[in-house]
Structures are given as C-alpha cells and as structure tokens.
C-alpha cells in the first residue's frame, strides 16, 4: 500500500514540475517570438495592448496546467490534444503582431489585417483560453 501512495505522490510532484516548466518556457518563448518581452532579435511593428499580456499569461499558464495533468494522468486523448494545440495556436495569433505575420499579410494585405484581423484578436484570445480550459476539463474528467 505504501508503494502505491508513493508512486501517486511522485507522479503528482513530477506533473506539477512539468506544468511549471512548460508555463515558464512558453511564456519566455512565445513572449520573445511575438515581441511582447523585449529582446534584440525581434521588434513589434504594432503597439502592445493590455490584453496581449493577459492572453500571453493565460495561454502559458493553461498550457502548463494541461501538460502537467496530461503527464499525471498518463493517458493520451487525441481530442484533448487537438483542442489544447488549437488553443495554443489561437493564443499565439491573439497576442502576436498581426502585421508581422507574413501569412496574414499575404492573405489579407496590411490594410485588411489592420481593419479586419486586429479588432478580432481579443475574441480569438478568449476562444483560445476557452479551448485550453475545455481541454484541461476533459483531461481531468476523463
């Protein structure tokens, strides 16, 4: 009985550690790539809004929680993985510099990105947070 308890405790501790590691790594990498965190490699072309910081933080934290729960449960659910991946990519588009995104500029043009996509970014951020939350819920429930 004691071995079972220790294995569960060790799995929980490792899951929490993985969650914190993923949170920190995603915050630094995504914040650096999108120019929210100042770095010498990339400078944003658009101003940083308050909700960019919020969605960067929420995307990082919820992704870390998802990865920690995924490790602790040790069960692979494809639907949950797809939902969480969609949440991370949606989050990246929600706080990333829309004008710096070559794909968006190719599809919509600079004026189209500024007119149509940039006002839509907060809603995309809320959707991505919802997707990540749903993925965590399904992973914990399952």
N, C-alpha and C. Protein backbone atom coordinates (compact mmCIF):
# COMPACT_ATOMS: atom_id res chain seq x y z
N UNK A 1 0.82 -1.19 0.00
CA UNK A 1 0.00 0.00 0.00
C UNK A 1 0.86 1.26 0.00
N UNK A 2 2.00 1.22 0.72
CA UNK A 2 2.84 2.40 0.78
C UNK A 2 3.50 2.69 -0.56
N UNK A 3 3.83 1.65 -1.32
CA UNK A 3 4.42 1.85 -2.64
C UNK A 3 3.46 2.54 -3.59
N UNK A 4 2.19 2.18 -3.54
CA UNK A 4 1.17 2.80 -4.38
C UNK A 4 1.04 4.28 -4.06
N UNK A 5 1.01 4.62 -2.78
CA UNK A 5 0.88 6.01 -2.37
C UNK A 5 2.07 6.83 -2.85
N UNK A 6 3.28 6.27 -2.70
CA UNK A 6 4.47 7.00 -3.09
C UNK A 6 4.51 7.21 -4.61
N UNK A 7 4.08 6.21 -5.37
CA UNK A 7 4.05 6.36 -6.83
C UNK A 7 3.09 7.46 -7.25
N UNK A 8 1.94 7.54 -6.61
CA UNK A 8 0.98 8.60 -6.93
C UNK A 8 1.54 9.97 -6.54
N UNK A 9 2.20 10.05 -5.40
CA UNK A 9 2.76 11.32 -4.95
C UNK A 9 3.88 11.76 -5.88
N UNK A 10 4.74 10.83 -6.28
CA UNK A 10 5.83 11.16 -7.18
C UNK A 10 5.29 11.61 -8.54
N UNK A 11 4.25 10.96 -9.03
CA UNK A 11 3.64 11.36 -10.30
C UNK A 11 3.04 12.75 -10.20
N UNK A 12 2.43 13.07 -9.05
CA UNK A 12 1.85 14.39 -8.85
C UNK A 12 2.94 15.46 -8.80
N UNK A 13 4.01 15.19 -8.07
CA UNK A 13 5.11 16.15 -7.96
C UNK A 13 5.75 16.37 -9.33
N UNK A 14 5.97 15.30 -10.08
CA UNK A 14 6.54 15.44 -11.42
C UNK A 14 5.60 16.21 -12.34
N UNK A 15 4.29 15.96 -12.24
CA UNK A 15 3.32 16.68 -13.05
C UNK A 15 3.33 18.17 -12.75
N UNK A 16 3.42 18.52 -11.47
CA UNK A 16 3.48 19.94 -11.09
C UNK A 16 4.76 20.57 -11.62
N UNK A 17 5.87 19.86 -11.51
CA UNK A 17 7.14 20.38 -12.03
C UNK A 17 7.10 20.58 -13.53
N UNK A 18 6.52 19.62 -14.24
CA UNK A 18 6.39 19.74 -15.69
C UNK A 18 5.48 20.91 -16.03
N UNK A 19 4.40 21.08 -15.29
CA UNK A 19 3.49 22.20 -15.52
C UNK A 19 4.17 23.54 -15.35
N UNK A 20 4.95 23.70 -14.29
CA UNK A 20 5.68 24.95 -14.07
C UNK A 20 6.74 25.17 -15.16
N UNK A 21 7.42 24.10 -15.54
CA UNK A 21 8.44 24.22 -16.59
C UNK A 21 7.85 24.63 -17.93
N UNK A 22 6.74 24.01 -18.31
CA UNK A 22 6.08 24.35 -19.57
C UNK A 22 5.57 25.78 -19.52
N UNK A 23 4.99 26.17 -18.38
CA UNK A 23 4.49 27.54 -18.25
C UNK A 23 5.60 28.55 -18.45
N UNK A 24 6.71 28.37 -17.77
CA UNK A 24 7.83 29.30 -17.89
C UNK A 24 8.43 29.32 -19.28
N UNK A 25 8.61 28.14 -19.86
CA UNK A 25 9.21 28.06 -21.19
C UNK A 25 8.30 28.71 -22.24
N UNK A 26 7.01 28.42 -22.18
CA UNK A 26 6.09 29.03 -23.16
C UNK A 26 6.01 30.54 -22.98
N UNK A 27 6.01 31.00 -21.73
CA UNK A 27 5.94 32.44 -21.50
C UNK A 27 7.14 33.14 -22.13
N UNK A 28 8.33 32.60 -21.91
CA UNK A 28 9.53 33.23 -22.44
C UNK A 28 9.61 33.09 -23.96
N UNK A 29 9.34 31.90 -24.48
CA UNK A 29 9.46 31.68 -25.93
C UNK A 29 8.40 32.45 -26.70
N UNK A 30 7.13 32.29 -26.31
CA UNK A 30 6.06 32.99 -27.03
C UNK A 30 6.15 34.51 -26.82
N UNK A 31 6.51 34.94 -25.64
CA UNK A 31 6.68 36.37 -25.39
C UNK A 31 7.83 36.95 -26.19
N UNK A 32 8.89 36.19 -26.37
CA UNK A 32 10.03 36.66 -27.16
C UNK A 32 9.75 36.66 -28.65
N UNK A 33 9.11 35.61 -29.13
CA UNK A 33 8.82 35.49 -30.55
C UNK A 33 7.82 36.57 -31.01
N UNK A 34 6.87 36.90 -30.16
CA UNK A 34 5.87 37.90 -30.53
C UNK A 34 6.30 39.32 -30.20
N UNK A 35 7.41 39.48 -29.53
CA UNK A 35 7.91 40.81 -29.22
C UNK A 35 7.26 41.45 -28.00
N UNK A 36 6.49 40.71 -27.26
CA UNK A 36 5.90 41.25 -26.03
C UNK A 36 6.98 41.43 -24.97
N UNK A 37 7.84 40.44 -24.86
CA UNK A 37 9.00 40.57 -23.98
C UNK A 37 10.13 41.18 -24.81
N UNK A 38 10.72 42.25 -24.34
CA UNK A 38 11.78 42.92 -25.14
C UNK A 38 12.96 41.98 -25.39
N UNK A 39 13.40 41.97 -26.63
CA UNK A 39 14.55 41.16 -26.98
C UNK A 39 15.25 41.80 -28.19
N UNK A 40 16.53 41.50 -28.39
CA UNK A 40 17.27 42.14 -29.50
C UNK A 40 16.98 41.52 -30.86
N UNK A 41 16.27 40.40 -30.91
CA UNK A 41 16.05 39.70 -32.16
C UNK A 41 14.82 40.15 -32.93
N UNK A 42 13.83 40.66 -32.22
CA UNK A 42 12.56 40.96 -32.87
C UNK A 42 11.93 42.19 -32.25
N UNK A 43 11.46 43.09 -33.08
CA UNK A 43 10.76 44.29 -32.61
C UNK A 43 9.38 44.31 -33.26
N UNK A 44 8.35 44.49 -32.45
CA UNK A 44 6.98 44.53 -32.96
C UNK A 44 6.74 45.78 -33.80
N UNK A 45 5.89 45.63 -34.80
CA UNK A 45 5.51 46.76 -35.63
C UNK A 45 4.25 47.45 -35.12
N UNK A 46 3.50 46.78 -34.24
CA UNK A 46 2.29 47.36 -33.67
C UNK A 46 2.46 47.53 -32.17
N UNK A 47 1.69 48.42 -31.60
CA UNK A 47 1.77 48.66 -30.16
C UNK A 47 1.23 47.46 -29.38
N UNK A 48 1.81 47.24 -28.22
CA UNK A 48 1.36 46.16 -27.35
C UNK A 48 0.17 46.66 -26.55
N UNK A 49 -0.92 45.91 -26.58
CA UNK A 49 -2.13 46.25 -25.84
C UNK A 49 -2.11 45.51 -24.50
N UNK A 50 -2.96 45.94 -23.57
CA UNK A 50 -3.01 45.31 -22.26
C UNK A 50 -3.46 43.86 -22.36
N UNK A 51 -4.35 43.56 -23.30
CA UNK A 51 -4.85 42.19 -23.40
C UNK A 51 -3.81 41.25 -24.01
N UNK A 52 -2.78 41.77 -24.66
CA UNK A 52 -1.71 40.91 -25.16
C UNK A 52 -0.97 40.26 -23.99
N UNK A 53 -0.68 41.04 -22.97
CA UNK A 53 -0.04 40.47 -21.77
C UNK A 53 -0.94 39.44 -21.10
N UNK A 54 -2.23 39.75 -21.01
CA UNK A 54 -3.19 38.85 -20.37
C UNK A 54 -3.27 37.52 -21.11
N UNK A 55 -3.39 37.57 -22.43
CA UNK A 55 -3.52 36.32 -23.19
C UNK A 55 -2.21 35.55 -23.24
N UNK A 56 -1.07 36.23 -23.21
CA UNK A 56 0.21 35.53 -23.12
C UNK A 56 0.29 34.77 -21.80
N UNK A 57 -0.06 35.44 -20.72
CA UNK A 57 -0.01 34.80 -19.40
C UNK A 57 -1.00 33.63 -19.31
N UNK A 58 -2.25 33.85 -19.74
CA UNK A 58 -3.25 32.79 -19.65
C UNK A 58 -2.91 31.60 -20.55
N UNK A 59 -2.42 31.87 -21.75
CA UNK A 59 -2.04 30.77 -22.64
C UNK A 59 -0.90 29.96 -22.04
N UNK A 60 0.07 30.63 -21.47
CA UNK A 60 1.21 29.92 -20.87
C UNK A 60 0.77 29.10 -19.66
N UNK A 61 0.00 29.71 -18.77
CA UNK A 61 -0.42 29.02 -17.54
C UNK A 61 -1.33 27.84 -17.86
N UNK A 62 -2.32 28.05 -18.72
CA UNK A 62 -3.24 26.97 -19.04
C UNK A 62 -2.54 25.84 -19.81
N UNK A 63 -1.59 26.16 -20.64
CA UNK A 63 -0.81 25.12 -21.33
C UNK A 63 0.04 24.32 -20.34
N UNK A 64 0.62 25.01 -19.37
CA UNK A 64 1.38 24.32 -18.34
C UNK A 64 0.50 23.41 -17.50
N UNK A 65 -0.68 23.88 -17.15
CA UNK A 65 -1.62 23.04 -16.39
C UNK A 65 -2.01 21.82 -17.22
N UNK A 66 -2.31 22.04 -18.49
CA UNK A 66 -2.69 20.92 -19.35
C UNK A 66 -1.58 19.87 -19.43
N UNK A 67 -0.35 20.32 -19.63
CA UNK A 67 0.77 19.38 -19.74
C UNK A 67 1.02 18.64 -18.42
N UNK A 68 0.88 19.35 -17.30
CA UNK A 68 1.05 18.70 -16.00
C UNK A 68 -0.02 17.66 -15.74
N UNK A 69 -1.26 17.97 -16.07
CA UNK A 69 -2.36 17.00 -15.91
C UNK A 69 -2.18 15.83 -16.87
N UNK A 70 -1.78 16.15 -18.09
CA UNK A 70 -1.56 15.09 -19.08
C UNK A 70 -0.48 14.12 -18.59
N UNK A 71 0.60 14.65 -18.03
CA UNK A 71 1.65 13.78 -17.51
C UNK A 71 1.15 12.97 -16.32
N UNK A 72 0.43 13.62 -15.42
CA UNK A 72 -0.04 12.93 -14.22
C UNK A 72 -1.02 11.81 -14.57
N UNK A 73 -1.92 12.06 -15.50
CA UNK A 73 -2.90 11.04 -15.88
C UNK A 73 -2.29 9.95 -16.75
N UNK A 74 -1.26 10.31 -17.51
CA UNK A 74 -0.57 9.38 -18.41
C UNK A 74 -1.54 8.71 -19.38
N UNK A 75 -2.51 9.47 -19.84
CA UNK A 75 -3.47 8.97 -20.82
C UNK A 75 -3.48 9.93 -22.00
N UNK A 76 -3.37 9.37 -23.18
CA UNK A 76 -3.39 10.20 -24.37
C UNK A 76 -4.79 10.21 -24.94
N UNK A 77 -5.37 11.38 -25.01
CA UNK A 77 -6.66 11.57 -25.65
C UNK A 77 -6.43 12.49 -26.84
N UNK A 78 -6.63 11.96 -28.02
CA UNK A 78 -6.35 12.77 -29.20
C UNK A 78 -7.20 14.03 -29.25
N UNK A 79 -8.47 13.89 -28.90
CA UNK A 79 -9.36 15.06 -28.96
C UNK A 79 -8.87 16.16 -28.02
N UNK A 80 -8.45 15.79 -26.82
CA UNK A 80 -7.94 16.78 -25.87
C UNK A 80 -6.66 17.41 -26.40
N UNK A 81 -5.79 16.61 -26.97
CA UNK A 81 -4.54 17.15 -27.51
C UNK A 81 -4.80 18.12 -28.66
N UNK A 82 -5.75 17.79 -29.52
CA UNK A 82 -6.09 18.69 -30.63
C UNK A 82 -6.68 19.99 -30.12
N UNK A 83 -7.54 19.90 -29.12
CA UNK A 83 -8.16 21.10 -28.55
C UNK A 83 -7.09 21.99 -27.91
N UNK A 84 -6.20 21.39 -27.14
CA UNK A 84 -5.14 22.16 -26.48
C UNK A 84 -4.18 22.77 -27.50
N UNK A 85 -3.83 22.04 -28.53
CA UNK A 85 -2.96 22.59 -29.57
C UNK A 85 -3.62 23.75 -30.29
N UNK A 86 -4.91 23.60 -30.58
CA UNK A 86 -5.65 24.71 -31.18
C UNK A 86 -5.70 25.92 -30.27
N UNK A 87 -5.83 25.68 -28.97
CA UNK A 87 -5.82 26.78 -28.01
C UNK A 87 -4.50 27.51 -27.97
N UNK A 88 -3.40 26.78 -28.05
CA UNK A 88 -2.08 27.42 -28.04
C UNK A 88 -1.86 28.24 -29.32
N UNK A 89 -2.21 27.66 -30.47
CA UNK A 89 -2.03 28.41 -31.72
C UNK A 89 -2.97 29.60 -31.80
N UNK A 90 -4.20 29.43 -31.32
CA UNK A 90 -5.12 30.58 -31.27
C UNK A 90 -4.60 31.67 -30.35
N UNK A 91 -4.03 31.26 -29.22
CA UNK A 91 -3.42 32.22 -28.31
C UNK A 91 -2.26 32.95 -28.95
N UNK A 92 -1.44 32.22 -29.68
CA UNK A 92 -0.30 32.84 -30.36
C UNK A 92 -0.77 33.90 -31.36
N UNK A 93 -1.82 33.60 -32.11
CA UNK A 93 -2.36 34.59 -33.05
C UNK A 93 -3.07 35.73 -32.34
N UNK A 94 -3.55 35.49 -31.12
CA UNK A 94 -4.31 36.54 -30.42
C UNK A 94 -3.40 37.61 -29.82
N UNK A 95 -2.17 37.26 -29.45
CA UNK A 95 -1.30 38.29 -28.88
C UNK A 95 -0.08 38.57 -29.75
N UNK A 96 0.03 37.89 -30.86
CA UNK A 96 1.14 38.14 -31.78
C UNK A 96 0.90 39.40 -32.60
N UNK A 97 1.95 39.93 -33.14
CA UNK A 97 1.88 41.11 -34.01
C UNK A 97 1.25 40.67 -35.33
N UNK A 98 0.05 41.17 -35.60
CA UNK A 98 -0.67 40.76 -36.80
C UNK A 98 0.01 41.26 -38.07
N UNK A 99 0.61 42.43 -38.02
CA UNK A 99 1.27 42.98 -39.20
C UNK A 99 2.57 42.22 -39.49
N UNK A 100 3.18 41.66 -38.46
CA UNK A 100 4.43 40.91 -38.63
C UNK A 100 4.17 39.50 -39.16
N UNK A 101 2.94 39.04 -39.14
CA UNK A 101 2.59 37.70 -39.58
C UNK A 101 2.50 37.68 -41.10
N UNK A 102 3.46 37.04 -41.73
CA UNK A 102 3.54 37.04 -43.20
C UNK A 102 2.34 36.36 -43.84
N UNK A 103 1.84 35.31 -43.22
CA UNK A 103 0.69 34.60 -43.77
C UNK A 103 -0.56 35.48 -43.79
N UNK A 104 -0.80 36.18 -42.70
CA UNK A 104 -1.95 37.08 -42.65
C UNK A 104 -1.81 38.22 -43.65
N UNK A 105 -0.63 38.78 -43.75
CA UNK A 105 -0.40 39.87 -44.70
C UNK A 105 -0.57 39.36 -46.14
N UNK A 106 -0.13 38.15 -46.41
CA UNK A 106 -0.30 37.57 -47.74
C UNK A 106 -1.79 37.38 -48.06
N UNK A 107 -2.55 36.89 -47.09
CA UNK A 107 -3.98 36.61 -47.32
C UNK A 107 -4.83 37.88 -47.37
N UNK A 108 -4.59 38.81 -46.45
CA UNK A 108 -5.47 39.97 -46.31
C UNK A 108 -4.85 41.30 -46.74
N UNK A 109 -3.55 41.35 -46.83
CA UNK A 109 -2.88 42.63 -47.07
C UNK A 109 -2.76 43.39 -45.76
N UNK A 110 -1.90 44.38 -45.72
CA UNK A 110 -1.67 45.12 -44.48
C UNK A 110 -2.93 45.85 -44.04
N UNK A 111 -3.62 46.49 -44.97
CA UNK A 111 -4.83 47.22 -44.58
C UNK A 111 -5.93 46.26 -44.14
N UNK A 112 -6.02 45.09 -44.76
CA UNK A 112 -7.01 44.09 -44.34
C UNK A 112 -6.71 43.54 -42.95
N UNK A 113 -5.44 43.34 -42.67
CA UNK A 113 -5.05 42.86 -41.34
C UNK A 113 -5.40 43.90 -40.29
N UNK A 114 -5.09 45.15 -40.57
CA UNK A 114 -5.36 46.22 -39.59
C UNK A 114 -6.86 46.47 -39.45
N UNK A 115 -7.61 46.32 -40.52
CA UNK A 115 -9.05 46.60 -40.48
C UNK A 115 -9.85 45.43 -39.94
N UNK A 116 -9.54 44.22 -40.38
CA UNK A 116 -10.39 43.07 -40.06
C UNK A 116 -9.83 42.15 -38.99
N UNK A 117 -8.51 41.90 -38.99
CA UNK A 117 -7.98 40.90 -38.07
C UNK A 117 -7.64 41.47 -36.69
N UNK A 118 -7.04 42.64 -36.65
CA UNK A 118 -6.61 43.19 -35.35
C UNK A 118 -7.77 43.43 -34.39
N UNK A 119 -8.93 43.93 -34.83
CA UNK A 119 -10.05 44.05 -33.87
C UNK A 119 -10.58 42.70 -33.41
N UNK A 120 -10.32 41.65 -34.18
CA UNK A 120 -10.80 40.30 -33.86
C UNK A 120 -9.89 39.58 -32.87
N UNK A 121 -8.67 40.06 -32.65
CA UNK A 121 -7.70 39.37 -31.80
C UNK A 121 -8.17 39.11 -30.37
N UNK A 122 -8.83 40.05 -29.67
CA UNK A 122 -9.29 39.73 -28.31
C UNK A 122 -10.30 38.58 -28.27
N UNK A 123 -11.15 38.51 -29.28
CA UNK A 123 -12.11 37.40 -29.33
C UNK A 123 -11.42 36.08 -29.62
N UNK A 124 -10.40 36.12 -30.44
CA UNK A 124 -9.59 34.93 -30.69
C UNK A 124 -8.88 34.50 -29.41
N UNK A 125 -8.41 35.46 -28.62
CA UNK A 125 -7.78 35.14 -27.34
C UNK A 125 -8.75 34.50 -26.36
N UNK A 126 -9.97 35.02 -26.30
CA UNK A 126 -10.97 34.41 -25.41
C UNK A 126 -11.32 33.00 -25.86
N UNK A 127 -11.40 32.80 -27.17
CA UNK A 127 -11.69 31.47 -27.70
C UNK A 127 -10.56 30.50 -27.37
N UNK A 128 -9.33 30.94 -27.51
CA UNK A 128 -8.20 30.06 -27.22
C UNK A 128 -8.13 29.71 -25.73
N UNK A 129 -8.43 30.68 -24.86
CA UNK A 129 -8.48 30.39 -23.42
C UNK A 129 -9.60 29.38 -23.14
N UNK A 130 -10.72 29.55 -23.80
CA UNK A 130 -11.82 28.60 -23.65
C UNK A 130 -11.44 27.20 -24.12
N UNK A 131 -10.74 27.11 -25.25
CA UNK A 131 -10.31 25.80 -25.75
C UNK A 131 -9.34 25.13 -24.78
N UNK A 132 -8.37 25.89 -24.28
CA UNK A 132 -7.43 25.31 -23.33
C UNK A 132 -8.13 24.89 -22.04
N UNK A 133 -9.07 25.69 -21.57
CA UNK A 133 -9.81 25.33 -20.36
C UNK A 133 -10.64 24.07 -20.58
N UNK A 134 -11.26 23.96 -21.75
CA UNK A 134 -12.03 22.77 -22.07
C UNK A 134 -11.13 21.53 -22.15
N UNK A 135 -9.96 21.68 -22.74
CA UNK A 135 -9.02 20.57 -22.80
C UNK A 135 -8.58 20.11 -21.41
N UNK A 136 -8.34 21.06 -20.52
CA UNK A 136 -7.99 20.71 -19.12
C UNK A 136 -9.15 20.00 -18.45
N UNK A 137 -10.36 20.52 -18.64
CA UNK A 137 -11.55 19.92 -18.03
C UNK A 137 -11.72 18.47 -18.51
N UNK A 138 -11.61 18.24 -19.81
CA UNK A 138 -11.78 16.88 -20.34
C UNK A 138 -10.67 15.96 -19.87
N UNK A 139 -9.45 16.49 -19.75
CA UNK A 139 -8.34 15.67 -19.30
C UNK A 139 -8.51 15.28 -17.83
N UNK A 140 -8.96 16.23 -17.00
CA UNK A 140 -9.16 15.92 -15.59
C UNK A 140 -10.35 14.99 -15.40
N UNK A 141 -11.41 15.24 -16.13
CA UNK A 141 -12.63 14.45 -16.01
C UNK A 141 -12.44 13.02 -16.47
N UNK A 142 -11.66 12.87 -17.56
CA UNK A 142 -11.50 11.56 -18.19
C UNK A 142 -10.87 10.55 -17.30
